[in-house]
Amino acid sequence: MNNFDIVIVGGGTAGLILARELGSFKQKTLILDRKDNLLEFSFNTLGSFINLEDFNLSKKVIAQEIDTLVFQSKRVKREIGNLNMYVLDKKKLHEELINSLDQNYVTIKTEVHIKDVLKDEAGLFTGVTDKNENNYFGKIIVDASGTNGVISKKIGLREKKGQLATGVEYNVEYLGEPNKMYLLSGKDYQGGYGWIFPLKNKRAIIGFGTFNEAIIKNLKPRLNEVLKLPLIKKLVKKDNDKVEGGSVPITPVLEKFVINNLVCVGDCVSQVNPIVGEGYKFIFEAAIMASKAIDKSLKEENIDFLSEYETEWKNRFSANYKRSKNAQEKIFKYSNNDVVMDIALLSMRLRSNDRIIKSVSGEYGLEKS
């Protein structure tokens, strides 16, 4: 029988850590995912200021430790040292999450394409149905389907066609310092941004991303042009043509994640931080918040406790996300102007390293509760 305490749509970042937590609470949980392999990704690495111990992750998920971050515009460079930052290996991280699931309580079904969400006469969500007309029933339904927003878009929590930031990248030979990461801006990036994430064995990820829909159509050729820049040629050497790519939502900051017994977590409700574009540690935190509210709701047999997830998220993130959103809009507006970006980096010299690290980690103006 396809009856569970919780049905989670999506076996990505949000869905896996949520299922791990719910399994530890001994709640019968089902993960449904449309992919046949949960360890295939559009991007294989990401940069993060995550504290691995906070989320019970081992150092095996680290692709490279970073101690220096370089902000580079056309003519100005600003280096921040003594960092506690990582490039994470997404495959190893997700593999570790999957292996941590309690198989006595957590079930995964792949190649399931969700078509609709089911409701009863009282307006409660009773389950989901897939394209083969199979039904999966749960006391609480969770959308963790990422940018697809399988349920969140259907019920109006998120707009059906949201704005996305899209990027492409190569895995290349790295000629730079092994623990030094680069964030690149200016006219050469045509209203977007660039990055170089060092890996082990003298490899690195070089990428180019943008918020401009007109530029998104030709990202790979534009990344190839970036590789011809003198600064970039000193740092990386392209030795293959395998390109990776993906998108993150840049929708307005949302604060509504719960309707009756439906809970939404992750990119399906735009929980990636607007300014840093790295959602993992923020989505991990949100999923843990949601897991506690879901567990309490089930044990008390009262879905009103699900609202505690929204309240905790607002207290922890809302003001900072709104501030980050304002900064994001300024970056969109000025990032293709070399003079403005040079001035911006020059002005960073007046700010302390701690303030800059808080900003780039998405934690500025906010102390973790």
Protein backbone atom coordinates (compact mmCIF):
# COMPACT_ATOMS: atom_id res chain seq x y z
CA MET A 1 0.00 0.00 0.00
CA ASN A 2 1.26 3.49 -0.89
CA ASN A 3 0.31 5.02 2.49
CA PHE A 4 2.89 7.01 4.44
CA ASP A 5 3.16 9.61 7.17
CA ILE A 6 4.94 11.97 4.79
CA VAL A 7 5.20 11.98 0.99
CA ILE A 8 8.10 14.08 -0.31
CA VAL A 9 8.10 15.06 -3.98
CA GLY A 10 11.77 15.49 -4.93
CA GLY A 11 14.91 13.60 -3.96
CA GLY A 12 17.35 16.48 -4.21
CA THR A 13 19.02 18.58 -1.53
CA ALA A 14 15.88 19.54 0.39
CA GLY A 15 14.12 16.20 0.05
CA LEU A 16 17.05 14.09 1.20
CA ILE A 17 17.97 16.02 4.32
CA LEU A 18 14.29 16.35 5.24
CA ALA A 19 13.84 12.59 4.84
CA ARG A 20 16.97 11.94 6.92
CA GLU A 21 15.57 14.01 9.77
CA LEU A 22 12.08 12.52 9.53
CA GLY A 23 13.53 9.02 9.49
CA SER A 24 15.42 9.82 12.69
CA PHE A 25 12.04 10.80 14.20
CA LYS A 26 10.73 7.37 13.10
CA GLN A 27 8.20 8.86 10.70
CA LYS A 28 7.25 6.68 7.74
CA THR A 29 8.50 8.73 4.77
CA LEU A 30 8.34 8.30 0.99
CA ILE A 31 10.59 10.18 -1.45
CA LEU A 32 9.38 10.37 -5.06
CA ASP A 33 11.74 11.61 -7.79
CA ARG A 34 11.41 11.82 -11.56
CA LYS A 35 15.07 10.93 -12.20
CA ASP A 36 16.31 7.35 -12.38
CA ASN A 37 19.55 8.30 -10.60
CA LEU A 38 19.62 10.69 -7.65
CA LEU A 39 23.38 11.18 -8.12
CA GLU A 40 23.25 12.87 -11.53
CA PHE A 41 23.48 16.66 -11.51
CA SER A 42 23.67 19.59 -13.89
CA PHE A 43 26.37 21.10 -11.64
CA ASN A 44 28.73 18.77 -9.76
CA THR A 45 30.32 21.28 -7.37
CA LEU A 46 29.44 24.39 -5.40
CA GLY A 47 31.18 26.85 -3.12
CA SER A 48 29.88 27.15 0.43
CA PHE A 49 30.60 28.55 3.88
CA ILE A 50 28.67 25.62 5.36
CA ASN A 51 29.62 24.22 8.76
CA LEU A 52 29.58 20.52 8.02
CA GLU A 53 29.17 19.53 11.67
CA ASP A 54 25.91 21.50 11.87
CA PHE A 55 24.39 19.06 9.40
CA ASN A 56 26.18 15.84 10.42
CA LEU A 57 28.23 15.73 7.22
CA SER A 58 31.76 14.35 6.99
CA LYS A 59 34.77 15.93 5.31
CA LYS A 60 34.48 13.32 2.56
CA VAL A 61 32.04 15.69 0.80
CA ILE A 62 34.77 18.34 0.36
CA ALA A 63 36.18 18.72 -3.14
CA GLN A 64 38.65 21.36 -1.95
CA GLU A 65 39.20 23.54 1.11
CA ILE A 66 39.40 27.27 0.38
CA ASP A 67 41.39 29.73 2.47
CA THR A 68 41.39 32.75 0.11
CA LEU A 69 38.63 34.39 -1.92
CA VAL A 70 39.54 36.80 -4.71
CA PHE A 71 37.09 39.38 -6.04
CA GLN A 72 38.29 40.49 -9.48
CA SER A 73 36.88 43.23 -11.71
CA LYS A 74 38.51 44.72 -14.81
CA ARG A 75 41.25 46.61 -13.01
CA VAL A 76 40.79 45.94 -9.29
CA LYS A 77 41.41 42.89 -7.13
CA ARG A 78 40.39 42.36 -3.51
CA GLU A 79 41.63 39.28 -1.64
CA ILE A 80 40.11 37.94 1.56
CA GLY A 81 42.20 35.37 3.42
CA ASN A 82 41.90 33.04 6.41
CA LEU A 83 38.55 31.68 5.26
CA ASN A 84 36.72 28.59 6.41
CA MET A 85 35.12 27.79 3.06
CA TYR A 86 34.71 24.73 0.87
CA VAL A 87 34.12 23.60 -2.65
CA LEU A 88 31.68 20.72 -2.14
CA ASP A 89 31.36 17.58 -4.24
CA LYS A 90 27.61 17.28 -4.79
CA LYS A 91 27.71 13.60 -5.69
CA LYS A 92 29.58 12.64 -2.53
CA LEU A 93 27.37 14.87 -0.41
CA HIS A 94 24.12 13.43 -1.77
CA GLU A 95 25.55 9.93 -1.59
CA GLU A 96 26.32 10.51 2.08
CA LEU A 97 22.77 11.78 2.68
CA ILE A 98 21.25 8.75 0.95
CA ASN A 99 23.42 6.37 2.98
CA SER A 100 22.34 8.13 6.18
CA LEU A 101 18.62 7.47 5.57
CA ASP A 102 16.98 5.01 7.95
CA GLN A 103 15.71 2.35 5.56
CA ASN A 104 13.24 1.15 8.19
CA TYR A 105 11.36 4.43 7.80
CA VAL A 106 12.42 6.03 4.51
CA THR A 107 11.52 4.65 1.06
CA ILE A 108 12.77 6.07 -2.26
CA LYS A 109 10.94 5.60 -5.55
CA THR A 110 12.60 6.93 -8.73
CA GLU A 111 11.30 7.56 -12.25
CA VAL A 112 8.03 8.84 -10.81
CA HIS A 113 6.62 11.82 -12.69
CA ILE A 114 4.06 13.60 -10.52
CA LYS A 115 1.06 14.87 -12.44
CA ASP A 116 -1.27 16.21 -9.76
CA VAL A 117 -1.84 16.70 -6.05
CA LEU A 118 -4.91 15.15 -4.42
CA LYS A 119 -7.27 16.92 -1.98
CA ASP A 120 -10.30 15.89 0.03
CA GLU A 121 -13.55 17.78 0.50
CA ALA A 122 -12.17 19.60 3.54
CA GLY A 123 -9.28 21.01 1.48
CA LEU A 124 -6.60 18.79 3.00
CA PHE A 125 -3.96 17.34 0.70
CA THR A 126 -4.23 13.57 0.74
CA GLY A 127 -1.54 12.54 -1.73
CA VAL A 128 -0.13 12.86 -5.22
CA THR A 129 -0.73 11.00 -8.47
CA ASP A 130 1.79 10.26 -11.20
CA LYS A 131 1.47 10.13 -14.98
CA ASN A 132 0.70 6.39 -14.78
CA GLU A 133 -2.25 7.11 -12.46
CA ASN A 134 -0.51 5.65 -9.40
CA ASN A 135 -1.51 7.33 -6.15
CA TYR A 136 0.75 7.93 -3.15
CA PHE A 137 -1.00 8.93 0.07
CA GLY A 138 0.38 10.77 3.08
CA LYS A 139 -0.77 12.58 6.19
CA ILE A 140 1.55 15.43 5.18
CA ILE A 141 2.65 16.22 1.62
CA VAL A 142 5.96 17.96 0.94
CA ASP A 143 7.07 19.72 -2.24
CA ALA A 144 10.86 19.55 -2.46
CA SER A 145 10.97 19.43 -6.26
CA GLY A 146 13.43 22.28 -6.77
CA THR A 147 12.98 24.84 -9.53
CA ASN A 148 10.30 22.65 -11.11
CA GLY A 149 7.96 23.57 -8.26
CA VAL A 150 5.71 20.61 -9.11
CA ILE A 151 3.17 21.46 -6.40
CA SER A 152 4.13 24.99 -5.28
CA LYS A 153 3.47 26.39 -8.76
CA LYS A 154 0.24 24.42 -9.16
CA ILE A 155 -1.28 25.83 -5.97
CA GLY A 156 0.05 29.37 -6.43
CA LEU A 157 2.76 29.59 -3.77
CA ARG A 158 5.24 30.39 -6.52
CA GLU A 159 4.72 31.94 -9.94
CA LYS A 160 4.63 29.43 -12.78
CA LYS A 161 7.37 31.14 -14.76
CA GLY A 162 9.88 32.57 -12.35
CA GLN A 163 13.10 34.34 -13.21
CA LEU A 164 16.22 32.18 -13.12
CA ALA A 165 19.95 32.73 -12.96
CA THR A 166 21.61 30.26 -15.32
CA GLY A 167 25.24 29.24 -15.62
CA VAL A 168 27.58 26.94 -17.51
CA GLU A 169 31.01 25.65 -16.55
CA TYR A 170 33.97 23.49 -17.54
CA ASN A 171 36.22 21.25 -15.48
CA VAL A 172 39.69 22.45 -16.54
CA GLU A 173 43.39 22.25 -15.73
CA TYR A 174 44.17 24.73 -12.94
CA LEU A 175 47.34 26.84 -12.98
CA GLY A 176 46.55 28.92 -9.90
CA GLU A 177 46.98 28.43 -6.16
CA PRO A 178 45.09 25.33 -4.97
CA ASN A 179 43.17 26.99 -2.12
CA LYS A 180 42.28 30.26 -3.85
CA MET A 181 38.80 30.83 -5.31
CA TYR A 182 37.86 33.63 -7.74
CA LEU A 183 34.63 35.60 -8.22
CA LEU A 184 34.77 37.63 -11.45
CA SER A 185 32.75 40.65 -12.55
CA GLY A 186 32.68 43.41 -15.15
CA LYS A 187 31.78 44.04 -18.77
CA ASP A 188 33.60 40.92 -20.00
CA TYR A 189 30.88 38.93 -18.23
CA GLN A 190 28.14 40.82 -20.10
CA GLY A 191 25.87 41.57 -17.20
CA GLY A 192 26.67 38.28 -15.50
CA TYR A 193 29.47 36.95 -13.35
CA GLY A 194 32.24 34.39 -13.43
CA TRP A 195 33.85 31.98 -10.99
CA ILE A 196 36.83 29.69 -10.61
CA PHE A 197 36.49 26.93 -8.00
CA PRO A 198 39.75 25.00 -7.45
CA LEU A 199 39.60 21.23 -7.02
CA LYS A 200 42.19 18.64 -6.06
CA ASN A 201 44.79 17.31 -8.52
CA LYS A 202 45.38 20.66 -10.21
CA ARG A 203 41.84 20.86 -11.58
CA ALA A 204 39.27 23.65 -11.30
CA ILE A 205 35.77 24.57 -12.30
CA ILE A 206 35.45 27.73 -14.38
CA GLY A 207 31.96 29.03 -14.93
CA PHE A 208 29.95 31.91 -16.32
CA GLY A 209 26.41 32.79 -15.28
CA THR A 210 23.87 35.48 -15.96
CA PHE A 211 20.39 36.75 -15.12
CA ASN A 212 19.83 38.12 -18.64
CA GLU A 213 17.48 35.91 -20.69
CA ALA A 214 18.95 37.19 -23.97
CA ILE A 215 22.45 36.10 -22.93
CA ILE A 216 21.35 32.75 -21.49
CA LYS A 217 20.74 31.42 -25.02
CA ASN A 218 24.46 31.63 -25.86
CA LEU A 219 26.17 30.90 -22.56
CA LYS A 220 28.65 28.31 -23.83
CA PRO A 221 30.09 30.51 -26.63
CA ARG A 222 30.32 33.38 -24.16
CA LEU A 223 32.15 31.20 -21.65
CA ASN A 224 34.59 30.26 -24.42
CA GLU A 225 35.23 33.98 -24.95
CA VAL A 226 35.86 34.41 -21.21
CA LEU A 227 38.52 31.68 -21.45
CA LYS A 228 40.46 33.89 -23.89
CA LEU A 229 40.84 36.74 -21.37
CA PRO A 230 44.51 37.25 -20.34
CA LEU A 231 43.76 36.89 -16.62
CA ILE A 232 41.82 33.68 -17.15
CA LYS A 233 44.49 32.17 -19.42
CA LYS A 234 46.98 32.59 -16.57
CA LEU A 235 44.74 30.63 -14.23
CA VAL A 236 43.14 27.83 -16.24
CA LYS A 237 43.71 25.73 -19.36
CA LYS A 238 40.71 24.20 -21.09
CA ASP A 239 41.46 20.59 -22.05
CA ASN A 240 37.98 19.24 -22.83
CA ASP A 241 34.66 20.38 -24.26
CA LYS A 242 32.30 18.87 -21.70
CA VAL A 243 30.05 21.64 -20.45
CA GLU A 244 27.76 21.49 -17.42
CA GLY A 245 24.98 23.89 -16.59
CA GLY A 246 21.95 24.64 -14.48
CA SER A 247 19.72 27.29 -12.93
CA VAL A 248 18.69 28.71 -9.56
CA PRO A 249 15.56 30.79 -8.91
CA ILE A 250 15.87 34.55 -8.37
CA THR A 251 12.19 35.10 -7.61
CA PRO A 252 10.96 37.56 -4.97
CA VAL A 253 11.61 36.60 -1.37
CA LEU A 254 8.81 34.27 -0.27
CA GLU A 255 7.53 33.71 3.27
CA LYS A 256 4.56 31.38 2.68
CA PHE A 257 5.61 27.72 2.66
CA VAL A 258 2.64 25.95 4.26
CA ILE A 259 -0.98 25.47 3.18
CA ASN A 260 -3.02 23.19 5.42
CA ASN A 261 -1.00 19.94 5.49
CA LEU A 262 1.21 20.82 2.50
CA VAL A 263 4.78 21.92 3.23
CA CYS A 264 7.25 23.35 0.68
CA VAL A 265 11.03 23.33 1.14
CA GLY A 266 13.96 24.49 -1.00
CA ASP A 267 14.08 25.96 -4.49
CA CYS A 268 10.38 25.27 -5.08
CA VAL A 269 9.77 28.28 -2.81
CA SER A 270 13.00 30.13 -3.66
CA GLN A 271 14.93 29.46 -0.44
CA VAL A 272 18.29 29.98 -2.12
CA ASN A 273 19.91 33.13 -0.71
CA PRO A 274 19.45 35.94 -3.30
CA ILE A 275 22.89 37.48 -2.98
CA VAL A 276 25.17 34.42 -2.90
CA GLY A 277 23.25 32.04 -5.16
CA GLU A 278 24.29 29.08 -2.99
CA GLY A 279 21.35 27.35 -1.46
CA TYR A 280 22.73 24.30 0.29
CA LYS A 281 23.32 25.50 3.84
CA PHE A 282 20.19 27.68 3.71
CA ILE A 283 18.02 24.87 2.36
CA PHE A 284 19.52 22.43 4.87
CA GLU A 285 18.50 24.76 7.69
CA ALA A 286 15.01 25.22 6.26
CA ALA A 287 14.56 21.45 5.86
CA ILE A 288 15.57 20.85 9.47
CA MET A 289 13.09 23.51 10.60
CA ALA A 290 10.38 21.86 8.51
CA SER A 291 11.21 18.39 9.86
CA LYS A 292 10.70 19.52 13.46
CA ALA A 293 7.36 21.14 12.66
CA ILE A 294 6.21 18.07 10.68
CA ASP A 295 7.22 15.69 13.46
CA LYS A 296 5.43 17.78 16.08
CA SER A 297 2.34 18.07 13.91
CA LEU A 298 2.14 14.30 13.44
CA LYS A 299 2.77 13.46 17.08
CA GLU A 300 0.23 16.01 18.30
CA GLU A 301 -2.16 15.17 15.44
CA ASN A 302 -2.56 18.88 14.74
CA ILE A 303 -1.44 20.45 11.45
CA ASP A 304 -1.50 23.91 13.02
CA PHE A 305 2.00 23.17 14.33
CA LEU A 306 3.29 23.25 10.73
CA SER A 307 3.13 27.04 10.90
CA GLU A 308 6.05 26.93 13.35
CA TYR A 309 8.26 26.17 10.34
CA GLU A 310 7.23 29.43 8.64
CA THR A 311 7.66 31.40 11.85
CA GLU A 312 11.14 30.03 12.52
CA TRP A 313 12.20 30.62 8.90
CA LYS A 314 10.98 34.24 9.00
CA ASN A 315 12.82 34.94 12.24
CA ARG A 316 16.02 33.41 10.92
CA PHE A 317 16.06 34.53 7.30
CA SER A 318 13.37 36.96 6.16
CA ALA A 319 14.98 40.34 6.91
CA ASN A 320 18.35 39.19 5.60
CA TYR A 321 16.86 37.75 2.40
CA LYS A 322 15.03 41.00 1.68
CA ARG A 323 18.26 42.93 2.14
CA SER A 324 20.05 40.41 -0.06
CA LYS A 325 17.36 40.83 -2.72
CA ASN A 326 17.99 44.59 -2.85
CA ALA A 327 21.71 43.95 -3.26
CA GLN A 328 20.99 41.39 -5.97
CA GLU A 329 18.99 43.91 -7.99
CA LYS A 330 21.86 46.41 -7.81
CA ILE A 331 24.27 43.75 -9.05
CA PHE A 332 21.95 42.98 -11.97
CA LYS A 333 21.88 46.65 -12.86
CA TYR A 334 25.57 47.49 -12.65
CA SER A 335 27.54 44.28 -13.21
CA ASN A 336 28.18 44.99 -16.92
CA ASN A 337 29.84 48.32 -16.17
CA ASP A 338 33.60 48.03 -15.59
CA VAL A 339 33.96 51.44 -13.92
CA VAL A 340 31.14 50.79 -11.47
CA MET A 341 32.46 47.34 -10.58
CA ASP A 342 36.00 48.73 -10.16
CA ILE A 343 34.64 51.37 -7.78
CA ALA A 344 32.65 48.74 -5.92
CA LEU A 345 35.79 46.67 -5.32
CA LEU A 346 37.78 49.74 -4.32
CA SER A 347 35.09 50.60 -1.77
CA MET A 348 35.45 47.07 -0.36
CA ARG A 349 38.89 48.08 0.87
CA LEU A 350 37.12 50.29 3.41
CA ARG A 351 35.20 47.33 4.80
CA SER A 352 36.59 44.78 7.21
CA ASN A 353 37.23 41.23 6.09
CA ASP A 354 34.64 39.99 8.59
CA ARG A 355 31.92 42.19 7.08
CA ILE A 356 32.79 41.07 3.56
CA ILE A 357 32.78 37.40 4.57
CA LYS A 358 29.35 37.83 6.21
CA SER A 359 28.06 39.46 3.03
CA VAL A 360 29.37 36.84 0.61
CA SER A 361 28.25 34.00 2.90
CA GLY A 362 24.73 35.43 2.95
CA GLU A 363 24.82 36.07 6.69
CA TYR A 364 25.41 39.81 6.88
CA GLY A 365 23.30 41.80 9.31
CA LEU A 366 22.12 38.63 11.03
CA GLU A 367 23.33 36.46 13.84
CA LYS A 368 22.40 32.81 13.69
CA SER A 369 19.84 32.00 16.37
